[in-house]
Structures are given as C-alpha cells and as structure tokens.
Amino acid sequence: MDEFSIWMKTWWPIFWAALLSAVQIGQVLLTKTYAKKEDVQGISEKVNQLEAKIEVMPTQGQVTDLLIELESARGEMKELRAQIQPIQHLSRLLLEQRLKDDK
C-alpha cells in the first residue's frame, strides 16, 4: 500500500468527524444568532396589527380638542349648578309647604 492510502485509513475518519462537528457547532451558533422565519413572520403580523390599531386611534390634536371641550362643558355645568341652586331651594320650600298643608 502506498502512503496516501495508509494516511486515508488512519486520518480520514478523524478528519471527517472533526469537519462534521465543526459544521454542527456552526449550525447551533447560527440558530442562536438568527431568528427563525416563523418567528419573524409572527412578529411582522403583530406589528401590522399594532399599526392598524394605531391608525384608528385619535391624534394628539384630537385628544387636546376633546380635553378643551370637556373643560368647557365642566365650566358650563358649574354655571348651571349656580343658577339651579336658588330654584332648588325654592322647590324644597314649596315641597315643605305642601307637606305641611297635607297634614
């Protein structure tokens, strides 16, 4: 036998095992480094859903306008409460008078 065939019989299994081990280690490292296609698609779908929800949400200007309107309505209610208090007092007096007359 020539030297090459002896070398092949002796070292080829070791070389092949080392090569396959290196490839498997590389694959393990790549799976830890890069995301799977299914994971990326799932995240993409969630991002699309969030974008759709954000599109229908009011803008900051609309929220500000709503807050201004609420404050305006609150002020108007305070004015109405001040105007209703004398009428409420009068209606209580009339109710008391009516109850006294019924006795």
PDB file of N, CA and C in Angstrom:
ATOM      1  N   MET A   1       0.840  -1.180   0.000  1.00  0.00           N
ATOM      2  CA  MET A   1       0.000   0.000   0.000  1.00  0.00           C
ATOM      3  C   MET A   1       0.880   1.237   0.000  1.00  0.00           C
ATOM      4  N   ASP A   2       0.357   2.175  -0.664  1.00  0.00           N
ATOM      5  CA  ASP A   2       1.140   3.397  -0.693  1.00  0.00           C
ATOM      6  C   ASP A   2       0.834   4.260   0.528  1.00  0.00           C
ATOM      7  N   GLU A   3       1.576   5.284   0.692  1.00  0.00           N
ATOM      8  CA  GLU A   3       1.476   6.145   1.883  1.00  0.00           C
ATOM      9  C   GLU A   3       0.148   6.882   1.966  1.00  0.00           C
ATOM     10  N   PHE A   4      -0.366   7.279   0.819  1.00  0.00           N
ATOM     11  CA  PHE A   4      -1.624   8.025   0.818  1.00  0.00           C
ATOM     12  C   PHE A   4      -2.779   7.175   1.326  1.00  0.00           C
ATOM     13  N   SER A   5      -2.866   5.944   0.913  1.00  0.00           N
ATOM     14  CA  SER A   5      -3.961   5.080   1.365  1.00  0.00           C
ATOM     15  C   SER A   5      -3.828   4.775   2.851  1.00  0.00           C
ATOM     16  N   ILE A   6      -2.614   4.666   3.358  1.00  0.00           N
ATOM     17  CA  ILE A   6      -2.433   4.469   4.792  1.00  0.00           C
ATOM     18  C   ILE A   6      -2.873   5.721   5.541  1.00  0.00           C
ATOM     19  N   TRP A   7      -2.495   6.869   5.006  1.00  0.00           N
ATOM     20  CA  TRP A   7      -2.892   8.143   5.631  1.00  0.00           C
ATOM     21  C   TRP A   7      -4.415   8.271   5.623  1.00  0.00           C
ATOM     22  N   MET A   8      -5.037   7.901   4.529  1.00  0.00           N
ATOM     23  CA  MET A   8      -6.501   7.990   4.418  1.00  0.00           C
ATOM     24  C   MET A   8      -7.172   7.078   5.432  1.00  0.00           C
ATOM     25  N   LYS A   9      -6.691   5.858   5.578  1.00  0.00           N
ATOM     26  CA  LYS A   9      -7.292   4.925   6.519  1.00  0.00           C
ATOM     27  C   LYS A   9      -7.099   5.387   7.951  1.00  0.00           C
ATOM     28  N   THR A  10      -5.996   6.043   8.216  1.00  0.00           N
ATOM     29  CA  THR A  10      -5.681   6.449   9.582  1.00  0.00           C
ATOM     30  C   THR A  10      -6.367   7.761   9.953  1.00  0.00           C
ATOM     31  N   TRP A  11      -6.246   8.747   9.109  1.00  0.00           N
ATOM     32  CA  TRP A  11      -6.675  10.106   9.482  1.00  0.00           C
ATOM     33  C   TRP A  11      -8.029  10.528   8.915  1.00  0.00           C
ATOM     34  N   TRP A  12      -8.513   9.884   7.886  1.00  0.00           N
ATOM     35  CA  TRP A  12      -9.779  10.318   7.278  1.00  0.00           C
ATOM     36  C   TRP A  12     -10.963  10.273   8.252  1.00  0.00           C
ATOM     37  N   PRO A  13     -11.183   9.230   9.038  1.00  0.00           N
ATOM     38  CA  PRO A  13     -12.312   9.244   9.980  1.00  0.00           C
ATOM     39  C   PRO A  13     -12.203  10.371  11.010  1.00  0.00           C
ATOM     40  N   ILE A  14     -10.997  10.644  11.467  1.00  0.00           N
ATOM     41  CA  ILE A  14     -10.804  11.727  12.441  1.00  0.00           C
ATOM     42  C   ILE A  14     -11.088  13.070  11.782  1.00  0.00           C
ATOM     43  N   PHE A  15     -10.555  13.243  10.570  1.00  0.00           N
ATOM     44  CA  PHE A  15     -10.786  14.495   9.841  1.00  0.00           C
ATOM     45  C   PHE A  15     -12.279  14.682   9.563  1.00  0.00           C
ATOM     46  N   TRP A  16     -12.963  13.620   9.126  1.00  0.00           N
ATOM     47  CA  TRP A  16     -14.389  13.695   8.812  1.00  0.00           C
ATOM     48  C   TRP A  16     -15.217  14.001  10.064  1.00  0.00           C
ATOM     49  N   ALA A  17     -14.898  13.376  11.193  1.00  0.00           N
ATOM     50  CA  ALA A  17     -15.608  13.627  12.446  1.00  0.00           C
ATOM     51  C   ALA A  17     -15.395  15.072  12.886  1.00  0.00           C
ATOM     52  N   ALA A  18     -14.195  15.590  12.761  1.00  0.00           N
ATOM     53  CA  ALA A  18     -13.907  16.976  13.138  1.00  0.00           C
ATOM     54  C   ALA A  18     -14.668  17.943  12.235  1.00  0.00           C
ATOM     55  N   LEU A  19     -14.708  17.645  10.945  1.00  0.00           N
ATOM     56  CA  LEU A  19     -15.422  18.509   9.995  1.00  0.00           C
ATOM     57  C   LEU A  19     -16.918  18.528  10.299  1.00  0.00           C
ATOM     58  N   LEU A  20     -17.510  17.349  10.532  1.00  0.00           N
ATOM     59  CA  LEU A  20     -18.936  17.303  10.847  1.00  0.00           C
ATOM     60  C   LEU A  20     -19.231  17.981  12.188  1.00  0.00           C
ATOM     61  N   SER A  21     -18.376  17.834  13.161  1.00  0.00           N
ATOM     62  CA  SER A  21     -18.562  18.508  14.449  1.00  0.00           C
ATOM     63  C   SER A  21     -18.509  20.016  14.276  1.00  0.00           C
ATOM     64  N   ALA A  22     -17.578  20.500  13.464  1.00  0.00           N
ATOM     65  CA  ALA A  22     -17.466  21.941  13.225  1.00  0.00           C
ATOM     66  C   ALA A  22     -18.723  22.470  12.529  1.00  0.00           C
ATOM     67  N   VAL A  23     -19.246  21.709  11.576  1.00  0.00           N
ATOM     68  CA  VAL A  23     -20.467  22.125  10.874  1.00  0.00           C
ATOM     69  C   VAL A  23     -21.646  22.180  11.841  1.00  0.00           C
ATOM     70  N   GLN A  24     -21.772  21.188  12.702  1.00  0.00           N
ATOM     71  CA  GLN A  24     -22.879  21.168  13.663  1.00  0.00           C
ATOM     72  C   GLN A  24     -22.754  22.310  14.668  1.00  0.00           C
ATOM     73  N   ILE A  25     -21.547  22.585  15.129  1.00  0.00           N
ATOM     74  CA  ILE A  25     -21.348  23.721  16.043  1.00  0.00           C
ATOM     75  C   ILE A  25     -21.715  25.019  15.340  1.00  0.00           C
ATOM     76  N   GLY A  26     -21.346  25.128  14.075  1.00  0.00           N
ATOM     77  CA  GLY A  26     -21.712  26.314  13.299  1.00  0.00           C
ATOM     78  C   GLY A  26     -23.216  26.467  13.172  1.00  0.00           C
ATOM     79  N   GLN A  27     -23.908  25.362  12.934  1.00  0.00           N
ATOM     80  CA  GLN A  27     -25.362  25.413  12.825  1.00  0.00           C
ATOM     81  C   GLN A  27     -26.010  25.826  14.145  1.00  0.00           C
ATOM     82  N   VAL A  28     -25.508  25.304  15.251  1.00  0.00           N
ATOM     83  CA  VAL A  28     -26.045  25.670  16.567  1.00  0.00           C
ATOM     84  C   VAL A  28     -25.847  27.158  16.822  1.00  0.00           C
ATOM     85  N   LEU A  29     -24.666  27.655  16.494  1.00  0.00           N
ATOM     86  CA  LEU A  29     -24.402  29.087  16.702  1.00  0.00           C
ATOM     87  C   LEU A  29     -25.277  29.952  15.801  1.00  0.00           C
ATOM     88  N   LEU A  30     -25.502  29.511  14.584  1.00  0.00           N
ATOM     89  CA  LEU A  30     -26.347  30.284  13.676  1.00  0.00           C
ATOM     90  C   LEU A  30     -27.801  30.283  14.131  1.00  0.00           C
ATOM     91  N   THR A  31     -28.294  29.165  14.678  1.00  0.00           N
ATOM     92  CA  THR A  31     -29.684  29.149  15.138  1.00  0.00           C
ATOM     93  C   THR A  31     -29.856  30.034  16.365  1.00  0.00           C
ATOM     94  N   LYS A  32     -28.808  30.191  17.153  1.00  0.00           N
ATOM     95  CA  LYS A  32     -28.903  31.098  18.298  1.00  0.00           C
ATOM     96  C   LYS A  32     -28.753  32.551  17.863  1.00  0.00           C
ATOM     97  N   THR A  33     -28.057  32.795  16.774  1.00  0.00           N
ATOM     98  CA  THR A  33     -27.802  34.160  16.320  1.00  0.00           C
ATOM     99  C   THR A  33     -28.966  34.721  15.506  1.00  0.00           C
ATOM    100  N   TYR A  34     -29.500  33.940  14.604  1.00  0.00           N
ATOM    101  CA  TYR A  34     -30.530  34.435  13.693  1.00  0.00           C
ATOM    102  C   TYR A  34     -31.904  33.908  14.087  1.00  0.00           C
ATOM    103  N   ALA A  35     -32.914  34.731  13.842  1.00  0.00           N
ATOM    104  CA  ALA A  35     -34.294  34.344  14.158  1.00  0.00           C
ATOM    105  C   ALA A  35     -34.828  33.402  13.088  1.00  0.00           C
ATOM    106  N   LYS A  36     -35.762  32.566  13.491  1.00  0.00           N
ATOM    107  CA  LYS A  36     -36.387  31.656  12.534  1.00  0.00           C
ATOM    108  C   LYS A  36     -37.393  32.420  11.688  1.00  0.00           C
ATOM    109  N   LYS A  37     -37.667  31.902  10.516  1.00  0.00           N
ATOM    110  CA  LYS A  37     -38.583  32.558   9.584  1.00  0.00           C
ATOM    111  C   LYS A  37     -39.981  32.674  10.186  1.00  0.00           C
ATOM    112  N   GLU A  38     -40.435  31.641  10.905  1.00  0.00           N
ATOM    113  CA  GLU A  38     -41.767  31.669  11.515  1.00  0.00           C
ATOM    114  C   GLU A  38     -41.857  32.754  12.582  1.00  0.00           C
ATOM    115  N   ASP A  39     -40.781  32.910  13.358  1.00  0.00           N
ATOM    116  CA  ASP A  39     -40.772  33.940  14.395  1.00  0.00           C
ATOM    117  C   ASP A  39     -40.849  35.333  13.781  1.00  0.00           C
ATOM    118  N   VAL A  40     -40.095  35.535  12.716  1.00  0.00           N
ATOM    119  CA  VAL A  40     -40.099  36.841  12.049  1.00  0.00           C
ATOM    120  C   VAL A  40     -41.472  37.130  11.450  1.00  0.00           C
ATOM    121  N   GLN A  41     -42.110  36.127  10.873  1.00  0.00           N
ATOM    122  CA  GLN A  41     -43.450  36.324  10.299  1.00  0.00           C
ATOM    123  C   GLN A  41     -44.471  36.623  11.394  1.00  0.00           C
ATOM    124  N   GLY A  42     -44.359  35.940  12.534  1.00  0.00           N
ATOM    125  CA  GLY A  42     -45.270  36.205  13.651  1.00  0.00           C
ATOM    126  C   GLY A  42     -45.121  37.624  14.163  1.00  0.00           C
ATOM    127  N   ILE A  43     -43.892  38.075  14.291  1.00  0.00           N
ATOM    128  CA  ILE A  43     -43.646  39.447  14.753  1.00  0.00           C
ATOM    129  C   ILE A  43     -44.144  40.441  13.715  1.00  0.00           C
ATOM    130  N   SER A  44     -43.966  40.128  12.453  1.00  0.00           N
ATOM    131  CA  SER A  44     -44.445  41.012  11.389  1.00  0.00           C
ATOM    132  C   SER A  44     -45.963  41.158  11.439  1.00  0.00           C
ATOM    133  N   GLU A  45     -46.665  40.044  11.689  1.00  0.00           N
ATOM    134  CA  GLU A  45     -48.125  40.105  11.798  1.00  0.00           C
ATOM    135  C   GLU A  45     -48.551  40.945  13.000  1.00  0.00           C
ATOM    136  N   LYS A  46     -47.853  40.794  14.119  1.00  0.00           N
ATOM    137  CA  LYS A  46     -48.188  41.587  15.303  1.00  0.00           C
ATOM    138  C   LYS A  46     -47.942  43.069  15.054  1.00  0.00           C
ATOM    139  N   VAL A  47     -46.863  43.386  14.354  1.00  0.00           N
ATOM    140  CA  VAL A  47     -46.576  44.789  14.028  1.00  0.00           C
ATOM    141  C   VAL A  47     -47.675  45.348  13.128  1.00  0.00           C
ATOM    142  N   ASN A  48     -48.121  44.560  12.167  1.00  0.00           N
ATOM    143  CA  ASN A  48     -49.205  45.010  11.278  1.00  0.00           C
ATOM    144  C   ASN A  48     -50.492  45.256  12.060  1.00  0.00           C
ATOM    145  N   GLN A  49     -50.786  44.370  13.028  1.00  0.00           N
ATOM    146  CA  GLN A  49     -51.976  44.563  13.853  1.00  0.00           C
ATOM    147  C   GLN A  49     -51.862  45.839  14.682  1.00  0.00           C
ATOM    148  N   LEU A  50     -50.691  46.072  15.255  1.00  0.00           N
ATOM    149  CA  LEU A  50     -50.497  47.287  16.047  1.00  0.00           C
ATOM    150  C   LEU A  50     -50.603  48.542  15.181  1.00  0.00           C
ATOM    151  N   GLU A  51     -50.062  48.477  13.990  1.00  0.00           N
ATOM    152  CA  GLU A  51     -50.170  49.627  13.077  1.00  0.00           C
ATOM    153  C   GLU A  51     -51.633  49.905  12.736  1.00  0.00           C
ATOM    154  N   ALA A  52     -52.416  48.858  12.543  1.00  0.00           N
ATOM    155  CA  ALA A  52     -53.844  49.042  12.237  1.00  0.00           C
ATOM    156  C   ALA A  52     -54.557  49.680  13.424  1.00  0.00           C
ATOM    157  N   LYS A  53     -54.218  49.259  14.635  1.00  0.00           N
ATOM    158  CA  LYS A  53     -54.839  49.843  15.826  1.00  0.00           C
ATOM    159  C   LYS A  53     -54.418  51.301  15.991  1.00  0.00           C
ATOM    160  N   ILE A  54     -53.180  51.603  15.697  1.00  0.00           N
ATOM    161  CA  ILE A  54     -52.689  52.974  15.854  1.00  0.00           C
ATOM    162  C   ILE A  54     -53.351  53.904  14.846  1.00  0.00           C
ATOM    163  N   GLU A  55     -53.626  53.393  13.638  1.00  0.00           N
ATOM    164  CA  GLU A  55     -54.241  54.229  12.610  1.00  0.00           C
ATOM    165  C   GLU A  55     -55.621  54.723  13.018  1.00  0.00           C
ATOM    166  N   VAL A  56     -56.375  53.921  13.779  1.00  0.00           N
ATOM    167  CA  VAL A  56     -57.724  54.331  14.160  1.00  0.00           C
ATOM    168  C   VAL A  56     -57.744  55.119  15.469  1.00  0.00           C
ATOM    169  N   MET A  57     -56.618  55.208  16.136  1.00  0.00           N
ATOM    170  CA  MET A  57     -56.570  55.971  17.385  1.00  0.00           C
ATOM    171  C   MET A  57     -56.591  57.470  17.075  1.00  0.00           C
ATOM    172  N   PRO A  58     -57.143  58.265  18.011  1.00  0.00           N
ATOM    173  CA  PRO A  58     -57.158  59.713  17.773  1.00  0.00           C
ATOM    174  C   PRO A  58     -55.751  60.288  17.852  1.00  0.00           C
ATOM    175  N   THR A  59     -55.576  61.380  17.133  1.00  0.00           N
ATOM    176  CA  THR A  59     -54.279  62.051  17.151  1.00  0.00           C
ATOM    177  C   THR A  59     -54.157  62.898  18.415  1.00  0.00           C
ATOM    178  N   GLN A  60     -52.968  63.406  18.661  1.00  0.00           N
ATOM    179  CA  GLN A  60     -52.752  64.239  19.838  1.00  0.00           C
ATOM    180  C   GLN A  60     -53.589  65.513  19.757  1.00  0.00           C
ATOM    181  N   GLY A  61     -53.748  66.051  18.565  1.00  0.00           N
ATOM    182  CA  GLY A  61     -54.585  67.231  18.393  1.00  0.00           C
ATOM    183  C   GLY A  61     -56.041  66.963  18.736  1.00  0.00           C
ATOM    184  N   GLN A  62     -56.539  65.809  18.312  1.00  0.00           N
ATOM    185  CA  GLN A  62     -57.924  65.455  18.614  1.00  0.00           C
ATOM    186  C   GLN A  62     -58.127  65.256  20.115  1.00  0.00           C
ATOM    187  N   VAL A  63     -57.158  64.643  20.779  1.00  0.00           N
ATOM    188  CA  VAL A  63     -57.259  64.443  22.221  1.00  0.00           C
ATOM    189  C   VAL A  63     -57.241  65.791  22.932  1.00  0.00           C
ATOM    190  N   THR A  64     -56.378  66.694  22.473  1.00  0.00           N
ATOM    191  CA  THR A  64     -56.316  68.029  23.068  1.00  0.00           C
ATOM    192  C   THR A  64     -57.636  68.764  22.884  1.00  0.00           C
ATOM    193  N   ASP A  65     -58.206  68.697  21.676  1.00  0.00           N
ATOM    194  CA  ASP A  65     -59.501  69.338  21.426  1.00  0.00           C
ATOM    195  C   ASP A  65     -60.587  68.760  22.329  1.00  0.00           C
ATOM    196  N   LEU A  66     -60.576  67.452  22.517  1.00  0.00           N
ATOM    197  CA  LEU A  66     -61.556  66.809  23.387  1.00  0.00           C
ATOM    198  C   LEU A  66     -61.399  67.274  24.830  1.00  0.00           C
ATOM    199  N   LEU A  67     -60.163  67.392  25.294  1.00  0.00           N
ATOM    200  CA  LEU A  67     -59.932  67.867  26.662  1.00  0.00           C
ATOM    201  C   LEU A  67     -60.410  69.303  26.841  1.00  0.00           C
ATOM    202  N   ILE A  68     -60.203  70.119  25.834  1.00  0.00           N
ATOM    203  CA  ILE A  68     -60.674  71.507  25.901  1.00  0.00           C
ATOM    204  C   ILE A  68     -62.193  71.539  25.960  1.00  0.00           C
ATOM    205  N   GLU A  69     -62.845  70.710  25.139  1.00  0.00           N
ATOM    206  CA  GLU A  69     -64.298  70.651  25.151  1.00  0.00           C
ATOM    207  C   GLU A  69     -64.814  70.162  26.503  1.00  0.00           C
ATOM    208  N   LEU A  70     -64.143  69.179  27.099  1.00  0.00           N
ATOM    209  CA  LEU A  70     -64.556  68.682  28.415  1.00  0.00           C
ATOM    210  C   LEU A  70     -64.437  69.768  29.478  1.00  0.00           C
ATOM    211  N   GLU A  71     -63.379  70.530  29.444  1.00  0.00           N
ATOM    212  CA  GLU A  71     -63.222  71.623  30.405  1.00  0.00           C
ATOM    213  C   GLU A  71     -64.298  72.682  30.193  1.00  0.00           C
ATOM    214  N   SER A  72     -64.617  72.960  28.938  1.00  0.00           N
ATOM    215  CA  SER A  72     -65.671  73.921  28.640  1.00  0.00           C
ATOM    216  C   SER A  72     -67.015  73.420  29.179  1.00  0.00           C
ATOM    217  N   ALA A  73     -67.306  72.135  28.953  1.00  0.00           N
ATOM    218  CA  ALA A  73     -68.557  71.561  29.452  1.00  0.00           C
ATOM    219  C   ALA A  73     -68.582  71.578  30.976  1.00  0.00           C
ATOM    220  N   ARG A  74     -67.448  71.315  31.598  1.00  0.00           N
ATOM    221  CA  ARG A  74     -67.379  71.338  33.065  1.00  0.00           C
ATOM    222  C   ARG A  74     -67.673  72.744  33.596  1.00  0.00           C
ATOM    223  N   GLY A  75     -67.148  73.751  32.917  1.00  0.00           N
ATOM    224  CA  GLY A  75     -67.423  75.131  33.319  1.00  0.00           C
ATOM    225  C   GLY A  75     -68.894  75.480  33.162  1.00  0.00           C
ATOM    226  N   GLU A  76     -69.492  75.030  32.054  1.00  0.00           N
ATOM    227  CA  GLU A  76     -70.907  75.298  31.837  1.00  0.00           C
ATOM    228  C   GLU A  76     -71.765  74.604  32.889  1.00  0.00           C
ATOM    229  N   MET A  77     -71.379  73.398  33.300  1.00  0.00           N
ATOM    230  CA  MET A  77     -72.137  72.694  34.335  1.00  0.00           C
ATOM    231  C   MET A  77     -72.041  73.435  35.672  1.00  0.00           C
ATOM    232  N   LYS A  78     -70.895  74.005  35.968  1.00  0.00           N
ATOM    233  CA  LYS A  78     -70.768  74.769  37.217  1.00  0.00           C
ATOM    234  C   LYS A  78     -71.663  76.002  37.189  1.00  0.00           C
ATOM    235  N   GLU A  79     -71.734  76.645  36.020  1.00  0.00           N
ATOM    236  CA  GLU A  79     -72.617  77.805  35.888  1.00  0.00           C
ATOM    237  C   GLU A  79     -74.073  77.385  36.086  1.00  0.00           C
ATOM    238  N   LEU A  80     -74.451  76.275  35.462  1.00  0.00           N
ATOM    239  CA  LEU A  80     -75.827  75.802  35.594  1.00  0.00           C
ATOM    240  C   LEU A  80     -76.145  75.423  37.038  1.00  0.00           C
ATOM    241  N   ARG A  81     -75.186  74.828  37.725  1.00  0.00           N
ATOM    242  CA  ARG A  81     -75.414  74.462  39.119  1.00  0.00           C
ATOM    243  C   ARG A  81     -75.659  75.718  39.955  1.00  0.00           C
ATOM    244  N   ALA A  82     -74.911  76.769  39.686  1.00  0.00           N
ATOM    245  CA  ALA A  82     -75.110  78.013  40.425  1.00  0.00           C
ATOM    246  C   ALA A  82     -76.485  78.607  40.133  1.00  0.00           C
ATOM    247  N   GLN A  83     -76.964  78.483  38.899  1.00  0.00           N
ATOM    248  CA  GLN A  83     -78.270  79.026  38.550  1.00  0.00           C
ATOM    249  C   GLN A  83     -79.402  78.152  39.088  1.00  0.00           C
ATOM    250  N   ILE A  84     -79.171  76.851  39.222  1.00  0.00           N
ATOM    251  CA  ILE A  84     -80.213  75.930  39.679  1.00  0.00           C
ATOM    252  C   ILE A  84     -80.378  75.969  41.194  1.00  0.00           C
ATOM    253  N   GLN A  85     -79.359  76.320  41.932  1.00  0.00           N
ATOM    254  CA  GLN A  85     -79.449  76.294  43.395  1.00  0.00           C
ATOM    255  C   GLN A  85     -80.601  77.134  43.961  1.00  0.00           C
ATOM    256  N   PRO A  86     -80.820  78.349  43.485  1.00  0.00           N
ATOM    257  CA  PRO A  86     -81.980  79.083  44.017  1.00  0.00           C
ATOM    258  C   PRO A  86     -83.314  78.405  43.678  1.00  0.00           C
ATOM    259  N   ILE A  87     -83.411  77.848  42.485  1.00  0.00           N
ATOM    260  CA  ILE A  87     -84.638  77.167  42.090  1.00  0.00           C
ATOM    261  C   ILE A  87     -84.815  75.911  42.934  1.00  0.00           C
ATOM    262  N   GLN A  88     -83.740  75.217  43.208  1.00  0.00           N
ATOM    263  CA  GLN A  88     -83.804  74.020  44.037  1.00  0.00           C
ATOM    264  C   GLN A  88     -84.238  74.381  45.461  1.00  0.00           C
ATOM    265  N   HIS A  89     -83.719  75.471  45.981  1.00  0.00           N
ATOM    266  CA  HIS A  89     -84.101  75.919  47.312  1.00  0.00           C
ATOM    267  C   HIS A  89     -85.595  76.257  47.349  1.00  0.00           C
ATOM    268  N   LEU A  90     -86.045  76.946  46.324  1.00  0.00           N
ATOM    269  CA  LEU A  90     -87.456  77.320  46.235  1.00  0.00           C
ATOM    270  C   LEU A  90     -88.345  76.077  46.138  1.00  0.00           C
ATOM    271  N   SER A  91     -87.923  75.081  45.352  1.00  0.00           N
ATOM    272  CA  SER A  91     -88.743  73.870  45.224  1.00  0.00           C
ATOM    273  C   SER A  91     -88.785  73.105  46.539  1.00  0.00           C
ATOM    274  N   ARG A  92     -87.720  73.113  47.309  1.00  0.00           N
ATOM    275  CA  ARG A  92     -87.741  72.465  48.622  1.00  0.00           C
ATOM    276  C   ARG A  92     -88.724  73.173  49.573  1.00  0.00           C
ATOM    277  N   LEU A  93     -88.691  74.511  49.513  1.00  0.00           N
ATOM    278  CA  LEU A  93     -89.617  75.254  50.363  1.00  0.00           C
ATOM    279  C   LEU A  93     -91.061  74.962  49.982  1.00  0.00           C
ATOM    280  N   LEU A  94     -91.324  74.896  48.677  1.00  0.00           N
ATOM    281  CA  LEU A  94     -92.673  74.601  48.218  1.00  0.00           C
ATOM    282  C   LEU A  94     -93.096  73.188  48.621  1.00  0.00           C
ATOM    283  N   LEU A  95     -92.159  72.238  48.558  1.00  0.00           N
ATOM    284  CA  LEU A  95     -92.463  70.881  48.969  1.00  0.00           C
ATOM    285  C   LEU A  95     -92.773  70.822  50.460  1.00  0.00           C
ATOM    286  N   GLU A  96     -91.990  71.519  51.253  1.00  0.00           N
ATOM    287  CA  GLU A  96     -92.246  71.553  52.697  1.00  0.00           C
ATOM    288  C   GLU A  96     -93.636  72.164  52.976  1.00  0.00           C
ATOM    289  N   GLN A  97     -93.949  73.239  52.274  1.00  0.00           N
ATOM    290  CA  GLN A  97     -95.246  73.893  52.448  1.00  0.00           C
ATOM    291  C   GLN A  97     -96.383  72.931  52.069  1.00  0.00           C
ATOM    292  N   ARG A  98     -96.197  72.217  50.989  1.00  0.00           N
ATOM    293  CA  ARG A  98     -97.212  71.288  50.528  1.00  0.00           C
ATOM    294  C   ARG A  98     -97.412  70.159  51.558  1.00  0.00           C
ATOM    295  N   LEU A  99     -96.293  69.653  52.125  1.00  0.00           N
ATOM    296  CA  LEU A  99     -96.387  68.591  53.130  1.00  0.00           C
ATOM    297  C   LEU A  99     -97.078  69.098  54.383  1.00  0.00           C
ATOM    298  N   LYS A 100     -96.824  70.346  54.756  1.00  0.00           N
ATOM    299  CA  LYS A 100     -97.484  70.910  55.937  1.00  0.00           C
ATOM    300  C   LYS A 100     -98.983  71.082  55.692  1.00  0.00           C
ATOM    301  N   ASP A 101     -99.332  71.472  54.470  1.00  0.00           N
ATOM    302  CA  ASP A 101    -100.755  71.662  54.154  1.00  0.00           C
ATOM    303  C   ASP A 101    -101.514  70.333  54.136  1.00  0.00           C
ATOM    304  N   ASP A 102    -100.842  69.250  53.769  1.00  0.00           N
ATOM    305  CA  ASP A 102    -101.495  67.933  53.696  1.00  0.00           C
ATOM    306  C   ASP A 102    -101.757  67.352  55.074  1.00  0.00           C
ATOM    307  N   LYS A 103    -101.089  67.780  56.107  1.00  0.00           N
ATOM    308  CA  LYS A 103    -101.284  67.213  57.443  1.00  0.00           C
ATOM    309  C   LYS A 103    -102.526  67.652  58.059  1.00  0.00           C
TER     310      LYS A 103
END
